[in-house]
Amino acid sequence: MTTLKTTRGPEFTRILSIGASRGDLTVPNDDLVGPIDSSDEWIRQRTGIIERKRASHDVFAADLAEAASKEAIERAGITPDRVGAVLVSTISNPVITPSLATQLAKRIGAPKAAAYDISAACAGYAYGIAQADALIRAGLAEYVLVVGAEKLSEFVDPTDRSISFLLGDGAGAAIVGPSETPGIGASIWGSDADKYDEIHMTGTTVGFRDGETEWPTLRQNGQAVFRWAVWEMAKVAQQALDAAGVTAADLAAFIPHQANMRIIDEFAKQLGIGENTIVARDIETTGNTSAASIPLATHRLLEEHPELSGGLALQIGFGAGLVFGAQVVVLP
């Protein structure tokens, strides 16, 4: 009987570099409060956001992804043709097909790479890191480009008080490659699909086409999402720590999805994050960028605290679906 040949890659992987691109427009709270009959103070107290980055009309998720990816590739010190797979997490690509990933692969000079999109919303970057780790260790790629890219402002209803004022635009990218030592801990991922409708769209593109609904925009059940994120996701984060064989005290940084400052602060409290661990709070001036939020927050942390390089970070994404993903990583 003939034995099939299989592939096997390196034992370990790590994130080699991070790139970032934020929307070119700065939108302060005062620009949004009129239609929701609110105030700058109300938004700050509720979310911790002072301003958010949004992209101009002619700037799309693919443009943001391209800029972030080129920075990540350059920082990794590799040529684009060595990227064996391009994984893009997005819920805001304006076309259903072809994927944003294939468009991006061509733009960055890796047109022969495997390329596909991940639709996991705010957990998408963590999903991408989990898959990149597996692909490399399976011998299917030498280097993998993982991107979270969103232009969420396309799906904002200015009169909505549940989520519209949270959302921003941006892209974050990471190059994952082989490592001689462990650089990405075991990933904990899954979904809580019974809560599917807690973050949702107001309609479908088919309904919009047929004149039955307005353009679909995002909505959320804020209180339910807050409780789920704080209590249930703290358990997932602890599982990721346990799976990596570390404790909260070992962390140089905690980088949760930038959903809401109140969630971030309560989350850190639940995990027992100490004062020696830096907590990412990029949401304050970037907003909630869904799949892009973790790499954008990581990029900012490393720019402001280069001494974190080589330290351990717990990253966790959670959101629409409801889906979640977490892992402990060594910072590039």
Protein backbone atom coordinates (compact mmCIF):
# COMPACT_ATOMS: atom_id res chain seq x y z
CA MET A 1 0.00 0.00 0.00
CA THR A 2 1.40 3.39 -1.03
CA THR A 3 2.02 5.85 1.79
CA LEU A 4 0.98 9.42 1.15
CA LYS A 5 3.53 12.15 1.55
CA THR A 6 2.68 15.04 3.83
CA THR A 7 4.33 18.32 4.70
CA ARG A 8 5.74 19.46 8.00
CA GLY A 9 7.11 22.87 8.86
CA PRO A 10 9.02 24.35 11.79
CA GLU A 11 8.00 23.51 15.33
CA PHE A 12 7.46 27.13 16.38
CA THR A 13 6.27 30.43 14.91
CA ARG A 14 6.15 34.04 16.01
CA ILE A 15 4.89 37.45 14.94
CA LEU A 16 7.84 39.15 13.26
CA SER A 17 6.42 42.61 12.63
CA ILE A 18 3.33 44.82 12.76
CA GLY A 19 2.11 47.48 10.32
CA ALA A 20 -0.72 49.97 10.70
CA SER A 21 -2.87 52.37 8.72
CA ARG A 22 -5.62 54.52 10.22
CA GLY A 23 -8.32 56.49 8.45
CA ASP A 24 -7.17 59.89 7.22
CA LEU A 25 -9.99 61.82 8.93
CA THR A 26 -10.14 62.67 12.65
CA VAL A 27 -13.75 62.78 13.87
CA PRO A 28 -14.25 64.25 17.37
CA ASN A 29 -17.31 63.43 19.46
CA ASP A 30 -18.77 66.88 18.89
CA ASP A 31 -19.19 66.04 15.19
CA LEU A 32 -21.51 63.13 16.03
CA VAL A 33 -23.60 64.21 19.00
CA GLY A 34 -26.31 66.17 17.15
CA PRO A 35 -28.13 63.27 15.42
CA ILE A 36 -28.05 61.13 18.58
CA ASP A 37 -29.10 64.01 20.86
CA SER A 38 -26.11 63.48 23.11
CA SER A 39 -22.87 65.14 24.22
CA ASP A 40 -19.12 64.75 24.18
CA GLU A 41 -19.22 64.02 27.92
CA TRP A 42 -21.81 61.23 27.46
CA ILE A 43 -19.71 59.48 24.80
CA ARG A 44 -16.52 59.79 26.84
CA GLN A 45 -18.15 58.40 29.97
CA ARG A 46 -19.87 55.59 28.10
CA THR A 47 -17.00 54.52 25.82
CA GLY A 48 -13.78 56.34 26.67
CA ILE A 49 -13.58 57.67 23.11
CA ILE A 50 -12.43 61.24 22.52
CA GLU A 51 -12.19 60.96 18.74
CA ARG A 52 -12.07 58.26 16.09
CA LYS A 53 -10.28 57.80 12.77
CA ARG A 54 -12.40 57.43 9.65
CA ALA A 55 -11.49 57.17 5.98
CA SER A 56 -12.41 59.57 3.20
CA HIS A 57 -15.05 58.61 0.63
CA ASP A 58 -12.55 57.26 -1.89
CA VAL A 59 -10.44 55.31 0.62
CA PHE A 60 -11.48 51.68 1.05
CA ALA A 61 -10.58 48.80 3.35
CA ALA A 62 -8.22 47.46 0.66
CA ASP A 63 -6.29 50.75 0.59
CA LEU A 64 -5.85 50.69 4.36
CA ALA A 65 -4.83 47.02 4.22
CA GLU A 66 -2.23 47.72 1.54
CA ALA A 67 -0.52 50.47 3.53
CA ALA A 68 -0.44 48.42 6.74
CA SER A 69 0.80 45.30 4.93
CA LYS A 70 3.65 47.05 3.15
CA GLU A 71 4.88 48.43 6.47
CA ALA A 72 4.71 44.97 8.08
CA ILE A 73 6.60 43.34 5.20
CA GLU A 74 9.30 45.99 5.26
CA ARG A 75 9.70 45.72 9.04
CA ALA A 76 9.94 41.92 8.79
CA GLY A 77 12.86 42.29 6.39
CA ILE A 78 11.46 39.88 3.81
CA THR A 79 10.51 40.25 0.16
CA PRO A 80 6.82 39.97 -0.76
CA ASP A 81 7.35 36.84 -2.85
CA ARG A 82 8.17 34.92 0.36
CA VAL A 83 4.64 35.46 1.66
CA GLY A 84 2.96 32.10 1.13
CA ALA A 85 -0.51 33.05 2.36
CA VAL A 86 -2.49 36.25 2.78
CA LEU A 87 -5.30 36.16 5.35
CA VAL A 88 -7.55 39.20 5.66
CA SER A 89 -10.20 39.55 8.31
CA THR A 90 -12.86 42.03 7.24
CA ILE A 91 -16.61 42.60 7.33
CA SER A 92 -16.48 45.75 5.23
CA ASN A 93 -15.08 44.82 1.82
CA PRO A 94 -17.52 46.48 -0.62
CA VAL A 95 -17.66 43.41 -2.90
CA ILE A 96 -18.56 39.85 -1.97
CA THR A 97 -16.07 38.37 -4.42
CA PRO A 98 -13.23 38.36 -5.29
CA SER A 99 -11.85 38.48 -1.77
CA LEU A 100 -10.01 41.46 -0.36
CA ALA A 101 -7.13 39.05 0.31
CA THR A 102 -6.59 38.27 -3.38
CA GLN A 103 -6.72 41.95 -4.24
CA LEU A 104 -4.21 42.66 -1.48
CA ALA A 105 -1.90 39.81 -2.56
CA LYS A 106 -1.60 41.41 -5.99
CA ARG A 107 -1.04 44.90 -4.59
CA ILE A 108 1.79 43.87 -2.28
CA GLY A 109 3.63 41.79 -4.90
CA ALA A 110 2.60 38.31 -3.79
CA PRO A 111 0.07 37.38 -6.52
CA LYS A 112 0.75 33.64 -6.28
CA ALA A 113 0.15 33.37 -2.53
CA ALA A 114 -2.83 31.51 -1.15
CA ALA A 115 -5.34 34.20 -0.23
CA TYR A 116 -8.69 34.26 1.51
CA ASP A 117 -10.88 36.44 3.70
CA ILE A 118 -11.98 35.65 7.25
CA SER A 119 -15.43 36.81 8.35
CA ALA A 120 -15.11 36.77 12.13
CA ALA A 121 -15.57 40.48 12.84
CA CYS A 122 -13.77 41.61 16.01
CA ALA A 123 -12.24 38.15 16.60
CA GLY A 124 -10.90 37.96 13.05
CA TYR A 125 -7.30 38.98 13.71
CA ALA A 126 -6.94 36.42 16.50
CA TYR A 127 -8.47 33.83 14.15
CA GLY A 128 -5.92 34.83 11.51
CA ILE A 129 -2.97 34.47 13.90
CA ALA A 130 -4.22 31.01 14.90
CA GLN A 131 -4.45 29.96 11.26
CA ALA A 132 -1.08 31.47 10.31
CA ASP A 133 0.58 29.56 13.16
CA ALA A 134 -1.01 26.31 11.96
CA LEU A 135 -0.23 26.88 8.28
CA ILE A 136 3.45 27.50 8.92
CA ARG A 137 3.86 24.57 11.30
CA ALA A 138 2.11 22.34 8.75
CA GLY A 139 4.63 23.37 6.11
CA LEU A 140 2.06 25.11 3.89
CA ALA A 141 3.75 28.52 3.98
CA GLU A 142 7.04 30.01 5.09
CA TYR A 143 5.58 33.40 5.98
CA VAL A 144 1.95 34.44 6.38
CA LEU A 145 0.51 37.94 6.20
CA VAL A 146 -2.40 38.41 8.63
CA VAL A 147 -4.48 41.57 8.23
CA GLY A 148 -7.50 43.08 9.93
CA ALA A 149 -8.97 45.79 7.70
CA GLU A 150 -12.22 47.70 8.16
CA LYS A 151 -14.06 50.71 6.84
CA LEU A 152 -16.94 50.53 9.30
CA SER A 153 -18.05 54.09 8.62
CA GLU A 154 -19.79 52.70 5.52
CA PHE A 155 -22.25 50.94 7.85
CA VAL A 156 -23.00 53.71 10.34
CA ASP A 157 -26.44 55.18 10.95
CA PRO A 158 -25.70 58.65 12.38
CA THR A 159 -28.91 58.53 14.45
CA ASP A 160 -28.13 55.19 16.13
CA ARG A 161 -27.26 55.41 19.84
CA SER A 162 -26.15 51.79 20.24
CA ILE A 163 -22.89 51.58 18.26
CA SER A 164 -22.53 54.28 15.58
CA PHE A 165 -20.35 56.63 17.65
CA LEU A 166 -17.95 53.79 18.50
CA LEU A 167 -16.86 52.88 15.00
CA GLY A 168 -13.67 53.84 13.18
CA ASP A 169 -11.69 52.84 10.09
CA GLY A 170 -8.24 51.32 9.85
CA ALA A 171 -6.07 48.30 9.14
CA GLY A 172 -3.42 46.44 11.06
CA ALA A 173 -1.12 43.79 9.59
CA ALA A 174 1.29 41.19 10.94
CA ILE A 175 3.91 38.97 9.35
CA VAL A 176 4.04 35.56 11.01
CA GLY A 177 7.07 33.38 10.36
CA PRO A 178 9.18 30.50 11.68
CA SER A 179 10.89 30.75 15.05
CA GLU A 180 13.47 28.74 16.96
CA THR A 181 11.50 29.24 20.18
CA PRO A 182 7.75 29.42 20.93
CA GLY A 183 6.30 32.78 19.91
CA ILE A 184 2.57 32.06 19.63
CA GLY A 185 0.79 30.19 22.40
CA ALA A 186 -2.09 27.81 21.93
CA SER A 187 -5.13 29.60 20.53
CA ILE A 188 -8.50 29.46 22.26
CA TRP A 189 -11.30 30.17 19.82
CA GLY A 190 -14.97 29.50 19.33
CA SER A 191 -18.39 31.10 19.25
CA ASP A 192 -21.47 31.70 21.36
CA ALA A 193 -23.86 31.52 18.44
CA ASP A 194 -26.99 31.45 20.61
CA LYS A 195 -26.30 35.19 20.99
CA TYR A 196 -26.02 35.66 17.21
CA ASP A 197 -28.29 38.72 17.12
CA GLU A 198 -26.68 40.76 19.89
CA ILE A 199 -24.56 42.56 17.27
CA HIS A 200 -26.28 42.61 13.90
CA MET A 201 -27.13 44.41 10.68
CA THR A 202 -30.46 46.19 10.30
CA GLY A 203 -31.19 44.52 6.97
CA THR A 204 -29.72 42.75 3.97
CA THR A 205 -28.29 43.97 0.68
CA VAL A 206 -31.02 41.97 -1.06
CA GLY A 207 -33.67 43.86 0.88
CA PHE A 208 -31.94 47.13 0.00
CA ARG A 209 -31.80 46.15 -3.68
CA ASP A 210 -35.51 45.34 -3.68
CA GLY A 211 -36.42 48.58 -1.93
CA GLU A 212 -37.69 46.75 1.15
CA THR A 213 -35.14 48.15 3.62
CA GLU A 214 -32.76 51.06 4.00
CA TRP A 215 -29.01 50.57 3.54
CA PRO A 216 -27.99 48.00 6.23
CA THR A 217 -26.17 49.47 9.23
CA LEU A 218 -24.73 48.04 12.42
CA ARG A 219 -26.62 47.76 15.72
CA GLN A 220 -25.88 46.15 19.06
CA ASN A 221 -27.56 45.27 22.34
CA GLY A 222 -25.06 47.21 24.40
CA GLN A 223 -25.85 45.88 27.88
CA ALA A 224 -25.89 42.23 26.78
CA VAL A 225 -22.63 42.63 24.87
CA PHE A 226 -20.99 44.37 27.83
CA ARG A 227 -21.92 41.56 30.23
CA TRP A 228 -20.83 38.86 27.78
CA ALA A 229 -17.54 40.56 26.98
CA VAL A 230 -16.56 41.12 30.60
CA TRP A 231 -17.70 37.92 32.27
CA GLU A 232 -17.53 35.27 29.55
CA MET A 233 -14.47 36.58 27.70
CA ALA A 234 -12.49 36.85 30.94
CA LYS A 235 -12.87 33.06 31.16
CA VAL A 236 -11.58 32.65 27.59
CA ALA A 237 -8.63 34.93 28.32
CA GLN A 238 -7.77 32.85 31.38
CA GLN A 239 -7.92 29.70 29.26
CA ALA A 240 -5.42 31.26 26.85
CA LEU A 241 -3.09 32.07 29.74
CA ASP A 242 -3.39 28.54 31.10
CA ALA A 243 -2.85 26.99 27.66
CA ALA A 244 0.34 29.06 27.24
CA GLY A 245 1.56 28.07 30.71
CA VAL A 246 1.79 31.64 31.98
CA THR A 247 -0.04 33.88 34.44
CA ALA A 248 -1.28 37.45 34.22
CA ALA A 249 1.79 38.49 36.22
CA ASP A 250 4.03 37.28 33.36
CA LEU A 251 2.46 39.65 30.82
CA ALA A 252 4.23 42.73 29.53
CA ALA A 253 1.02 43.82 27.79
CA PHE A 254 -2.69 43.09 27.63
CA ILE A 255 -4.20 43.82 24.19
CA PRO A 256 -7.94 43.17 24.09
CA HIS A 257 -10.22 44.10 21.22
CA GLN A 258 -10.80 47.85 21.46
CA ALA A 259 -14.55 47.62 21.91
CA ASN A 260 -15.17 50.07 24.73
CA MET A 261 -12.93 51.53 27.43
CA ARG A 262 -15.27 50.41 30.21
CA ILE A 263 -15.07 46.83 28.90
CA ILE A 264 -11.26 47.03 28.68
CA ASP A 265 -10.89 48.34 32.23
CA GLU A 266 -13.32 45.83 33.76
CA PHE A 267 -11.75 43.02 31.72
CA ALA A 268 -8.29 43.86 33.09
CA LYS A 269 -9.71 43.94 36.61
CA GLN A 270 -11.33 40.52 36.21
CA LEU A 271 -8.03 39.02 35.01
CA GLY A 272 -6.02 40.61 37.79
CA ILE A 273 -3.82 42.57 35.40
CA GLY A 274 -1.20 44.32 37.53
CA GLU A 275 0.35 47.77 37.26
CA ASN A 276 3.47 46.32 35.64
CA THR A 277 1.42 45.18 32.63
CA ILE A 278 0.59 47.85 30.03
CA VAL A 279 -3.02 47.73 28.86
CA ALA A 280 -3.78 48.81 25.28
CA ARG A 281 -6.27 51.69 25.12
CA ASP A 282 -6.00 52.69 21.48
CA ILE A 283 -9.78 53.09 21.31
CA GLU A 284 -9.48 56.55 22.90
CA THR A 285 -8.32 58.18 19.64
CA THR A 286 -8.92 55.48 16.99
CA GLY A 287 -12.36 54.12 17.87
CA ASN A 288 -13.58 50.56 17.51
CA THR A 289 -12.16 49.17 14.26
CA SER A 290 -13.39 45.58 14.68
CA ALA A 291 -10.86 43.16 13.10
CA ALA A 292 -8.20 45.88 12.87
CA SER A 293 -8.30 46.89 16.52
CA ILE A 294 -5.80 44.42 18.04
CA PRO A 295 -2.99 44.94 15.50
CA LEU A 296 -3.56 48.71 15.53
CA ALA A 297 -3.38 48.74 19.32
CA THR A 298 -0.27 46.53 19.22
CA HIS A 299 1.41 48.85 16.72
CA ARG A 300 0.73 51.89 18.93
CA LEU A 301 1.98 50.13 22.07
CA LEU A 302 5.25 49.22 20.38
CA GLU A 303 5.67 52.74 19.03
CA GLU A 304 5.13 54.24 22.48
CA HIS A 305 6.88 51.48 24.45
CA PRO A 306 9.59 49.86 22.31
CA GLU A 307 10.89 48.15 25.44
CA LEU A 308 7.90 45.79 25.21
CA SER A 309 9.50 44.01 22.25
CA GLY A 310 10.22 40.42 23.21
CA GLY A 311 7.73 40.49 26.07
CA LEU A 312 4.56 38.46 26.39
CA ALA A 313 1.17 39.86 25.43
CA LEU A 314 -2.29 38.39 25.83
CA GLN A 315 -4.49 39.34 22.88
CA ILE A 316 -8.18 38.56 22.66
CA GLY A 317 -10.82 39.46 20.10
CA PHE A 318 -14.58 39.12 20.59
CA GLY A 319 -17.67 40.40 18.84
CA ALA A 320 -20.37 39.87 16.25
CA GLY A 321 -21.50 36.33 15.92
CA LEU A 322 -20.74 36.10 18.84
CA VAL A 323 -17.23 34.79 18.16
CA PHE A 324 -13.99 34.93 20.10
CA GLY A 325 -10.31 34.13 19.80
CA ALA A 326 -7.32 34.57 22.10
CA GLN A 327 -3.66 33.66 22.40
CA VAL A 328 -0.51 34.72 24.24
CA VAL A 329 2.17 35.97 21.86
CA VAL A 330 5.72 37.26 22.02
CA LEU A 331 5.71 40.87 20.86
CA PRO A 332 7.86 41.60 17.79
